[in-house]
Amino acid sequence: MAGAVAALAALVLTGCSSISSGTVTGKEYSPAYTTTSLQCYSFGKAGCTMWMPVVHYWPATYQLDLRNGSKTGWVDVDARTYAQERVGDRYGE
């Protein structure tokens, strides 16, 4: 069971990247942020009669840039992995 969970976690964290292991050549961190947009809440004869602000939360992202032979690409990782990995380390092996 634990192996299946670890495999699923690895799949989720690597996303759709074509690379999953290699030498770390760079790191990228984007902090969490929010955006606000207006959404129409009520329509009348003349169009929207009431607008409501909607707050969207975007979580922090952590990525490693990898090179494995001629393949390169970014892989999403969690905060702990991001903190542990250094440029030049081997990742995913």
PDB file of N, CA and C in Angstrom:
ATOM      1  N   MET A   1       0.821  -1.193   0.000  1.00  0.00           N
ATOM      2  CA  MET A   1       0.000   0.000   0.000  1.00  0.00           C
ATOM      3  C   MET A   1       0.867   1.260   0.000  1.00  0.00           C
ATOM      4  N   ALA A   2       1.887   1.302   0.858  1.00  0.00           N
ATOM      5  CA  ALA A   2       2.757   2.480   0.929  1.00  0.00           C
ATOM      6  C   ALA A   2       3.472   2.698  -0.398  1.00  0.00           C
ATOM      7  N   GLY A   3       3.858   1.601  -1.064  1.00  0.00           N
ATOM      8  CA  GLY A   3       4.515   1.723  -2.362  1.00  0.00           C
ATOM      9  C   GLY A   3       3.601   2.336  -3.400  1.00  0.00           C
ATOM     10  N   ALA A   4       2.335   1.950  -3.376  1.00  0.00           N
ATOM     11  CA  ALA A   4       1.367   2.504  -4.323  1.00  0.00           C
ATOM     12  C   ALA A   4       1.157   3.995  -4.074  1.00  0.00           C
ATOM     13  N   VAL A   5       1.101   4.376  -2.803  1.00  0.00           N
ATOM     14  CA  VAL A   5       0.934   5.785  -2.459  1.00  0.00           C
ATOM     15  C   VAL A   5       2.149   6.589  -2.909  1.00  0.00           C
ATOM     16  N   ALA A   6       3.344   6.061  -2.693  1.00  0.00           N
ATOM     17  CA  ALA A   6       4.570   6.749  -3.109  1.00  0.00           C
ATOM     18  C   ALA A   6       4.618   6.889  -4.628  1.00  0.00           C
ATOM     19  N   ALA A   7       4.220   5.849  -5.342  1.00  0.00           N
ATOM     20  CA  ALA A   7       4.214   5.903  -6.807  1.00  0.00           C
ATOM     21  C   ALA A   7       3.222   6.947  -7.300  1.00  0.00           C
ATOM     22  N   LEU A   8       2.043   6.992  -6.682  1.00  0.00           N
ATOM     23  CA  LEU A   8       1.046   7.982  -7.068  1.00  0.00           C
ATOM     24  C   LEU A   8       1.540   9.392  -6.769  1.00  0.00           C
ATOM     25  N   ALA A   9       2.173   9.576  -5.614  1.00  0.00           N
ATOM     26  CA  ALA A   9       2.710  10.890  -5.253  1.00  0.00           C
ATOM     27  C   ALA A   9       3.781  11.327  -6.248  1.00  0.00           C
ATOM     28  N   ALA A  10       4.636  10.419  -6.653  1.00  0.00           N
ATOM     29  CA  ALA A  10       5.681  10.751  -7.631  1.00  0.00           C
ATOM     30  C   ALA A  10       5.059  11.148  -8.965  1.00  0.00           C
ATOM     31  N   LEU A  11       4.005  10.439  -9.361  1.00  0.00           N
ATOM     32  CA  LEU A  11       3.333  10.752 -10.621  1.00  0.00           C
ATOM     33  C   LEU A  11       2.701  12.131 -10.560  1.00  0.00           C
ATOM     34  N   VAL A  12       2.037  12.442  -9.454  1.00  0.00           N
ATOM     35  CA  VAL A  12       1.398  13.739  -9.296  1.00  0.00           C
ATOM     36  C   VAL A  12       2.431  14.847  -9.277  1.00  0.00           C
ATOM     37  N   LEU A  13       3.523  14.651  -8.562  1.00  0.00           N
ATOM     38  CA  LEU A  13       4.538  15.693  -8.439  1.00  0.00           C
ATOM     39  C   LEU A  13       5.298  15.929  -9.734  1.00  0.00           C
ATOM     40  N   THR A  14       5.464  14.907 -10.556  1.00  0.00           N
ATOM     41  CA  THR A  14       6.182  15.115 -11.810  1.00  0.00           C
ATOM     42  C   THR A  14       5.267  15.654 -12.885  1.00  0.00           C
ATOM     43  N   GLY A  15       3.938  15.585 -12.675  1.00  0.00           N
ATOM     44  CA  GLY A  15       3.006  16.156 -13.635  1.00  0.00           C
ATOM     45  C   GLY A  15       3.182  15.557 -15.005  1.00  0.00           C
ATOM     46  N   CYS A  16       3.154  16.411 -16.021  1.00  0.00           N
ATOM     47  CA  CYS A  16       3.221  15.947 -17.395  1.00  0.00           C
ATOM     48  C   CYS A  16       4.604  16.156 -18.005  1.00  0.00           C
ATOM     49  N   SER A  17       5.598  16.405 -17.199  1.00  0.00           N
ATOM     50  CA  SER A  17       6.946  16.628 -17.696  1.00  0.00           C
ATOM     51  C   SER A  17       7.463  15.369 -18.382  1.00  0.00           C
ATOM     52  N   SER A  18       8.277  15.554 -19.422  1.00  0.00           N
ATOM     53  CA  SER A  18       8.840  14.424 -20.133  1.00  0.00           C
ATOM     54  C   SER A  18      10.110  13.907 -19.462  1.00  0.00           C
ATOM     55  N   ILE A  19      10.488  14.512 -18.348  1.00  0.00           N
ATOM     56  CA  ILE A  19      11.691  14.097 -17.639  1.00  0.00           C
ATOM     57  C   ILE A  19      11.328  13.891 -16.169  1.00  0.00           C
ATOM     58  N   SER A  20      11.899  12.851 -15.555  1.00  0.00           N
ATOM     59  CA  SER A  20      11.587  12.590 -14.152  1.00  0.00           C
ATOM     60  C   SER A  20      12.831  12.369 -13.301  1.00  0.00           C
ATOM     61  N   SER A  21      13.993  12.310 -13.931  1.00  0.00           N
ATOM     62  CA  SER A  21      15.233  12.151 -13.185  1.00  0.00           C
ATOM     63  C   SER A  21      16.365  12.799 -13.961  1.00  0.00           C
ATOM     64  N   GLY A  22      17.427  13.149 -13.222  1.00  0.00           N
ATOM     65  CA  GLY A  22      18.585  13.746 -13.861  1.00  0.00           C
ATOM     66  C   GLY A  22      19.322  14.658 -12.908  1.00  0.00           C
ATOM     67  N   THR A  23      20.238  15.431 -13.443  1.00  0.00           N
ATOM     68  CA  THR A  23      21.024  16.375 -12.664  1.00  0.00           C
ATOM     69  C   THR A  23      20.255  17.684 -12.530  1.00  0.00           C
ATOM     70  N   VAL A  24      20.171  18.195 -11.314  1.00  0.00           N
ATOM     71  CA  VAL A  24      19.495  19.462 -11.074  1.00  0.00           C
ATOM     72  C   VAL A  24      20.369  20.584 -11.631  1.00  0.00           C
ATOM     73  N   THR A  25      19.824  21.344 -12.601  1.00  0.00           N
ATOM     74  CA  THR A  25      20.575  22.446 -13.209  1.00  0.00           C
ATOM     75  C   THR A  25      20.021  23.806 -12.817  1.00  0.00           C
ATOM     76  N   GLY A  26      18.873  23.805 -12.138  1.00  0.00           N
ATOM     77  CA  GLY A  26      18.279  25.063 -11.697  1.00  0.00           C
ATOM     78  C   GLY A  26      17.086  24.792 -10.804  1.00  0.00           C
ATOM     79  N   LYS A  27      16.660  25.832 -10.100  1.00  0.00           N
ATOM     80  CA  LYS A  27      15.515  25.736  -9.202  1.00  0.00           C
ATOM     81  C   LYS A  27      14.650  26.973  -9.392  1.00  0.00           C
ATOM     82  N   GLU A  28      13.340  26.797  -9.254  1.00  0.00           N
ATOM     83  CA  GLU A  28      12.413  27.927  -9.397  1.00  0.00           C
ATOM     84  C   GLU A  28      11.337  27.835  -8.320  1.00  0.00           C
ATOM     85  N   TYR A  29      11.131  28.940  -7.611  1.00  0.00           N
ATOM     86  CA  TYR A  29      10.100  29.024  -6.578  1.00  0.00           C
ATOM     87  C   TYR A  29       9.187  30.189  -6.902  1.00  0.00           C
ATOM     88  N   SER A  30       7.883  29.946  -6.848  1.00  0.00           N
ATOM     89  CA  SER A  30       6.897  31.016  -7.008  1.00  0.00           C
ATOM     90  C   SER A  30       6.040  31.038  -5.748  1.00  0.00           C
ATOM     91  N   PRO A  31       6.017  32.157  -5.027  1.00  0.00           N
ATOM     92  CA  PRO A  31       5.235  32.200  -3.786  1.00  0.00           C
ATOM     93  C   PRO A  31       3.733  32.147  -4.063  1.00  0.00           C
ATOM     94  N   ALA A  32       2.983  31.763  -3.053  1.00  0.00           N
ATOM     95  CA  ALA A  32       1.529  31.750  -3.157  1.00  0.00           C
ATOM     96  C   ALA A  32       1.033  33.185  -3.349  1.00  0.00           C
ATOM     97  N   TYR A  33      -0.099  33.320  -4.031  1.00  0.00           N
ATOM     98  CA  TYR A  33      -0.685  34.648  -4.217  1.00  0.00           C
ATOM     99  C   TYR A  33      -2.194  34.520  -4.435  1.00  0.00           C
ATOM    100  N   THR A  34      -2.875  35.638  -4.358  1.00  0.00           N
ATOM    101  CA  THR A  34      -4.303  35.670  -4.627  1.00  0.00           C
ATOM    102  C   THR A  34      -4.586  36.688  -5.722  1.00  0.00           C
ATOM    103  N   THR A  35      -5.654  36.433  -6.455  1.00  0.00           N
ATOM    104  CA  THR A  35      -6.162  37.396  -7.421  1.00  0.00           C
ATOM    105  C   THR A  35      -7.644  37.595  -7.120  1.00  0.00           C
ATOM    106  N   THR A  36      -8.153  38.744  -7.492  1.00  0.00           N
ATOM    107  CA  THR A  36      -9.570  39.028  -7.297  1.00  0.00           C
ATOM    108  C   THR A  36     -10.181  39.413  -8.631  1.00  0.00           C
ATOM    109  N   SER A  37     -11.326  38.848  -8.915  1.00  0.00           N
ATOM    110  CA  SER A  37     -12.056  39.207 -10.129  1.00  0.00           C
ATOM    111  C   SER A  37     -13.502  39.489  -9.750  1.00  0.00           C
ATOM    112  N   LEU A  38     -14.213  40.150 -10.623  1.00  0.00           N
ATOM    113  CA  LEU A  38     -15.620  40.435 -10.386  1.00  0.00           C
ATOM    114  C   LEU A  38     -16.462  39.465 -11.199  1.00  0.00           C
ATOM    115  N   GLN A  39     -17.488  38.949 -10.573  1.00  0.00           N
ATOM    116  CA  GLN A  39     -18.386  38.008 -11.229  1.00  0.00           C
ATOM    117  C   GLN A  39     -19.808  38.546 -11.088  1.00  0.00           C
ATOM    118  N   CYS A  40     -20.547  38.468 -12.182  1.00  0.00           N
ATOM    119  CA  CYS A  40     -21.927  38.936 -12.151  1.00  0.00           C
ATOM    120  C   CYS A  40     -22.744  38.007 -11.258  1.00  0.00           C
ATOM    121  N   TYR A  41     -23.469  38.608 -10.317  1.00  0.00           N
ATOM    122  CA  TYR A  41     -24.253  37.839  -9.350  1.00  0.00           C
ATOM    123  C   TYR A  41     -25.741  37.855  -9.699  1.00  0.00           C
ATOM    124  N   SER A  42     -26.186  38.918 -10.350  1.00  0.00           N
ATOM    125  CA  SER A  42     -27.609  39.043 -10.673  1.00  0.00           C
ATOM    126  C   SER A  42     -27.782  39.791 -11.991  1.00  0.00           C
ATOM    127  N   PHE A  43     -28.632  39.253 -12.857  1.00  0.00           N
ATOM    128  CA  PHE A  43     -28.923  39.878 -14.145  1.00  0.00           C
ATOM    129  C   PHE A  43     -30.287  40.555 -14.103  1.00  0.00           C
ATOM    130  N   GLY A  44     -30.389  41.666 -14.792  1.00  0.00           N
ATOM    131  CA  GLY A  44     -31.663  42.361 -14.963  1.00  0.00           C
ATOM    132  C   GLY A  44     -31.879  42.637 -16.442  1.00  0.00           C
ATOM    133  N   LYS A  45     -32.855  43.437 -16.757  1.00  0.00           N
ATOM    134  CA  LYS A  45     -33.171  43.762 -18.155  1.00  0.00           C
ATOM    135  C   LYS A  45     -32.004  44.463 -18.848  1.00  0.00           C
ATOM    136  N   ALA A  46     -31.280  45.272 -18.107  1.00  0.00           N
ATOM    137  CA  ALA A  46     -30.186  46.049 -18.693  1.00  0.00           C
ATOM    138  C   ALA A  46     -28.834  45.360 -18.555  1.00  0.00           C
ATOM    139  N   GLY A  47     -28.812  44.110 -18.102  1.00  0.00           N
ATOM    140  CA  GLY A  47     -27.546  43.395 -17.935  1.00  0.00           C
ATOM    141  C   GLY A  47     -27.302  43.082 -16.478  1.00  0.00           C
ATOM    142  N   CYS A  48     -26.047  43.089 -16.119  1.00  0.00           N
ATOM    143  CA  CYS A  48     -25.680  42.732 -14.755  1.00  0.00           C
ATOM    144  C   CYS A  48     -26.094  43.853 -13.790  1.00  0.00           C
ATOM    145  N   THR A  49     -26.787  43.472 -12.723  1.00  0.00           N
ATOM    146  CA  THR A  49     -27.234  44.456 -11.740  1.00  0.00           C
ATOM    147  C   THR A  49     -26.462  44.368 -10.429  1.00  0.00           C
ATOM    148  N   MET A  50     -25.728  43.285 -10.230  1.00  0.00           N
ATOM    149  CA  MET A  50     -24.959  43.141  -8.993  1.00  0.00           C
ATOM    150  C   MET A  50     -23.679  42.352  -9.272  1.00  0.00           C
ATOM    151  N   TRP A  51     -22.583  42.943  -8.868  1.00  0.00           N
ATOM    152  CA  TRP A  51     -21.281  42.293  -9.049  1.00  0.00           C
ATOM    153  C   TRP A  51     -20.751  41.834  -7.705  1.00  0.00           C
ATOM    154  N   MET A  52     -20.098  40.682  -7.690  1.00  0.00           N
ATOM    155  CA  MET A  52     -19.498  40.144  -6.462  1.00  0.00           C
ATOM    156  C   MET A  52     -18.015  39.901  -6.699  1.00  0.00           C
ATOM    157  N   PRO A  53     -17.161  40.321  -5.768  1.00  0.00           N
ATOM    158  CA  PRO A  53     -15.739  39.983  -5.917  1.00  0.00           C
ATOM    159  C   PRO A  53     -15.523  38.503  -5.590  1.00  0.00           C
ATOM    160  N   VAL A  54     -14.677  37.864  -6.377  1.00  0.00           N
ATOM    161  CA  VAL A  54     -14.324  36.466  -6.153  1.00  0.00           C
ATOM    162  C   VAL A  54     -12.806  36.404  -5.979  1.00  0.00           C
ATOM    163  N   VAL A  55     -12.367  35.846  -4.863  1.00  0.00           N
ATOM    164  CA  VAL A  55     -10.941  35.746  -4.571  1.00  0.00           C
ATOM    165  C   VAL A  55     -10.461  34.352  -4.970  1.00  0.00           C
ATOM    166  N   HIS A  56      -9.398  34.299  -5.753  1.00  0.00           N
ATOM    167  CA  HIS A  56      -8.797  33.035  -6.190  1.00  0.00           C
ATOM    168  C   HIS A  56      -7.434  32.894  -5.514  1.00  0.00           C
ATOM    169  N   TYR A  57      -7.193  31.745  -4.926  1.00  0.00           N
ATOM    170  CA  TYR A  57      -5.924  31.468  -4.248  1.00  0.00           C
ATOM    171  C   TYR A  57      -5.075  30.565  -5.130  1.00  0.00           C
ATOM    172  N   TRP A  58      -3.832  30.940  -5.327  1.00  0.00           N
ATOM    173  CA  TRP A  58      -2.876  30.159  -6.114  1.00  0.00           C
ATOM    174  C   TRP A  58      -1.745  29.739  -5.182  1.00  0.00           C
ATOM    175  N   PRO A  59      -1.567  28.430  -4.940  1.00  0.00           N
ATOM    176  CA  PRO A  59      -0.550  27.977  -3.979  1.00  0.00           C
ATOM    177  C   PRO A  59       0.871  28.182  -4.510  1.00  0.00           C
ATOM    178  N   ALA A  60       1.810  28.156  -3.593  1.00  0.00           N
ATOM    179  CA  ALA A  60       3.225  28.240  -3.967  1.00  0.00           C
ATOM    180  C   ALA A  60       3.597  27.039  -4.834  1.00  0.00           C
ATOM    181  N   THR A  61       4.540  27.251  -5.749  1.00  0.00           N
ATOM    182  CA  THR A  61       5.031  26.150  -6.577  1.00  0.00           C
ATOM    183  C   THR A  61       6.544  26.060  -6.443  1.00  0.00           C
ATOM    184  N   TYR A  62       7.028  24.835  -6.523  1.00  0.00           N
ATOM    185  CA  TYR A  62       8.456  24.534  -6.399  1.00  0.00           C
ATOM    186  C   TYR A  62       8.840  23.643  -7.572  1.00  0.00           C
ATOM    187  N   GLN A  63       9.851  24.042  -8.332  1.00  0.00           N
ATOM    188  CA  GLN A  63      10.265  23.272  -9.495  1.00  0.00           C
ATOM    189  C   GLN A  63      11.779  23.113  -9.536  1.00  0.00           C
ATOM    190  N   LEU A  64      12.187  21.972 -10.080  1.00  0.00           N
ATOM    191  CA  LEU A  64      13.605  21.714 -10.341  1.00  0.00           C
ATOM    192  C   LEU A  64      13.791  21.595 -11.836  1.00  0.00           C
ATOM    193  N   ASP A  65      14.848  22.204 -12.355  1.00  0.00           N
ATOM    194  CA  ASP A  65      15.217  22.062 -13.761  1.00  0.00           C
ATOM    195  C   ASP A  65      16.193  20.898 -13.844  1.00  0.00           C
ATOM    196  N   LEU A  66      15.869  19.908 -14.668  1.00  0.00           N
ATOM    197  CA  LEU A  66      16.693  18.697 -14.756  1.00  0.00           C
ATOM    198  C   LEU A  66      17.287  18.524 -16.139  1.00  0.00           C
ATOM    199  N   ARG A  67      18.450  17.871 -16.176  1.00  0.00           N
ATOM    200  CA  ARG A  67      19.076  17.448 -17.438  1.00  0.00           C
ATOM    201  C   ARG A  67      19.485  15.997 -17.267  1.00  0.00           C
ATOM    202  N   ASN A  68      19.081  15.180 -18.238  1.00  0.00           N
ATOM    203  CA  ASN A  68      19.454  13.771 -18.254  1.00  0.00           C
ATOM    204  C   ASN A  68      19.861  13.447 -19.688  1.00  0.00           C
ATOM    205  N   GLY A  69      21.162  13.480 -19.933  1.00  0.00           N
ATOM    206  CA  GLY A  69      21.644  13.318 -21.304  1.00  0.00           C
ATOM    207  C   GLY A  69      21.215  14.518 -22.126  1.00  0.00           C
ATOM    208  N   SER A  70      20.488  14.269 -23.220  1.00  0.00           N
ATOM    209  CA  SER A  70      20.016  15.374 -24.056  1.00  0.00           C
ATOM    210  C   SER A  70      18.629  15.856 -23.648  1.00  0.00           C
ATOM    211  N   LYS A  71      17.994  15.155 -22.695  1.00  0.00           N
ATOM    212  CA  LYS A  71      16.665  15.557 -22.227  1.00  0.00           C
ATOM    213  C   LYS A  71      16.778  16.592 -21.128  1.00  0.00           C
ATOM    214  N   THR A  72      15.959  17.628 -21.214  1.00  0.00           N
ATOM    215  CA  THR A  72      15.869  18.630 -20.161  1.00  0.00           C
ATOM    216  C   THR A  72      14.406  18.920 -19.882  1.00  0.00           C
ATOM    217  N   GLY A  73      14.129  19.438 -18.713  1.00  0.00           N
ATOM    218  CA  GLY A  73      12.762  19.825 -18.391  1.00  0.00           C
ATOM    219  C   GLY A  73      12.608  20.155 -16.925  1.00  0.00           C
ATOM    220  N   TRP A  74      11.467  20.707 -16.612  1.00  0.00           N
ATOM    221  CA  TRP A  74      11.140  21.089 -15.241  1.00  0.00           C
ATOM    222  C   TRP A  74      10.271  20.017 -14.621  1.00  0.00           C
ATOM    223  N   VAL A  75      10.460  19.783 -13.327  1.00  0.00           N
ATOM    224  CA  VAL A  75       9.635  18.846 -12.583  1.00  0.00           C
ATOM    225  C   VAL A  75       9.136  19.555 -11.322  1.00  0.00           C
ATOM    226  N   ASP A  76       7.835  19.419 -11.049  1.00  0.00           N
ATOM    227  CA  ASP A  76       7.249  19.991  -9.835  1.00  0.00           C
ATOM    228  C   ASP A  76       7.582  19.100  -8.645  1.00  0.00           C
ATOM    229  N   VAL A  77       7.956  19.726  -7.540  1.00  0.00           N
ATOM    230  CA  VAL A  77       8.274  18.989  -6.315  1.00  0.00           C
ATOM    231  C   VAL A  77       7.608  19.682  -5.142  1.00  0.00           C
ATOM    232  N   ASP A  78       7.616  19.020  -3.983  1.00  0.00           N
ATOM    233  CA  ASP A  78       7.079  19.650  -2.781  1.00  0.00           C
ATOM    234  C   ASP A  78       8.152  20.539  -2.144  1.00  0.00           C
ATOM    235  N   ALA A  79       7.737  21.331  -1.146  1.00  0.00           N
ATOM    236  CA  ALA A  79       8.647  22.295  -0.508  1.00  0.00           C
ATOM    237  C   ALA A  79       9.846  21.615   0.140  1.00  0.00           C
ATOM    238  N   ARG A  80       9.628  20.467   0.740  1.00  0.00           N
ATOM    239  CA  ARG A  80      10.727  19.766   1.422  1.00  0.00           C
ATOM    240  C   ARG A  80      11.785  19.294   0.422  1.00  0.00           C
ATOM    241  N   THR A  81      11.336  18.688  -0.674  1.00  0.00           N
ATOM    242  CA  THR A  81      12.270  18.229  -1.706  1.00  0.00           C
ATOM    243  C   THR A  81      13.024  19.408  -2.297  1.00  0.00           C
ATOM    244  N   TYR A  82      12.319  20.497  -2.557  1.00  0.00           N
ATOM    245  CA  TYR A  82      12.941  21.697  -3.116  1.00  0.00           C
ATOM    246  C   TYR A  82      14.064  22.199  -2.201  1.00  0.00           C
ATOM    247  N   ALA A  83      13.802  22.202  -0.893  1.00  0.00           N
ATOM    248  CA  ALA A  83      14.799  22.683   0.061  1.00  0.00           C
ATOM    249  C   ALA A  83      16.011  21.754   0.143  1.00  0.00           C
ATOM    250  N   GLN A  84      15.795  20.455  -0.029  1.00  0.00           N
ATOM    251  CA  GLN A  84      16.878  19.476   0.098  1.00  0.00           C
ATOM    252  C   GLN A  84      17.773  19.416  -1.140  1.00  0.00           C
ATOM    253  N   GLU A  85      17.192  19.591  -2.315  1.00  0.00           N
ATOM    254  CA  GLU A  85      17.959  19.440  -3.559  1.00  0.00           C
ATOM    255  C   GLU A  85      18.797  20.680  -3.839  1.00  0.00           C
ATOM    256  N   ARG A  86      20.008  20.459  -4.314  1.00  0.00           N
ATOM    257  CA  ARG A  86      20.930  21.536  -4.681  1.00  0.00           C
ATOM    258  C   ARG A  86      21.297  21.386  -6.153  1.00  0.00           C
ATOM    259  N   VAL A  87      21.645  22.504  -6.778  1.00  0.00           N
ATOM    260  CA  VAL A  87      22.125  22.447  -8.164  1.00  0.00           C
ATOM    261  C   VAL A  87      23.339  21.536  -8.196  1.00  0.00           C
ATOM    262  N   GLY A  88      23.338  20.606  -9.124  1.00  0.00           N
ATOM    263  CA  GLY A  88      24.407  19.622  -9.240  1.00  0.00           C
ATOM    264  C   GLY A  88      24.056  18.266  -8.666  1.00  0.00           C
ATOM    265  N   ASP A  89      23.019  18.202  -7.794  1.00  0.00           N
ATOM    266  CA  ASP A  89      22.574  16.917  -7.241  1.00  0.00           C
ATOM    267  C   ASP A  89      21.895  16.088  -8.314  1.00  0.00           C
ATOM    268  N   ARG A  90      21.876  14.778  -8.084  1.00  0.00           N
ATOM    269  CA  ARG A  90      21.106  13.860  -8.931  1.00  0.00           C
ATOM    270  C   ARG A  90      19.727  13.720  -8.302  1.00  0.00           C
ATOM    271  N   TYR A  91      18.679  13.868  -9.096  1.00  0.00           N
ATOM    272  CA  TYR A  91      17.307  13.793  -8.592  1.00  0.00           C
ATOM    273  C   TYR A  91      16.555  12.636  -9.267  1.00  0.00           C
ATOM    274  N   GLY A  92      15.753  11.938  -8.469  1.00  0.00           N
ATOM    275  CA  GLY A  92      14.838  10.931  -9.019  1.00  0.00           C
ATOM    276  C   GLY A  92      15.455   9.587  -9.325  1.00  0.00           C
ATOM    277  N   GLU A  93      16.563   9.270  -8.738  1.00  0.00           N
ATOM    278  CA  GLU A  93      17.195   7.977  -9.035  1.00  0.00           C
ATOM    279  C   GLU A  93      17.385   7.185  -7.771  1.00  0.00           C
TER     280      GLU A  93
END
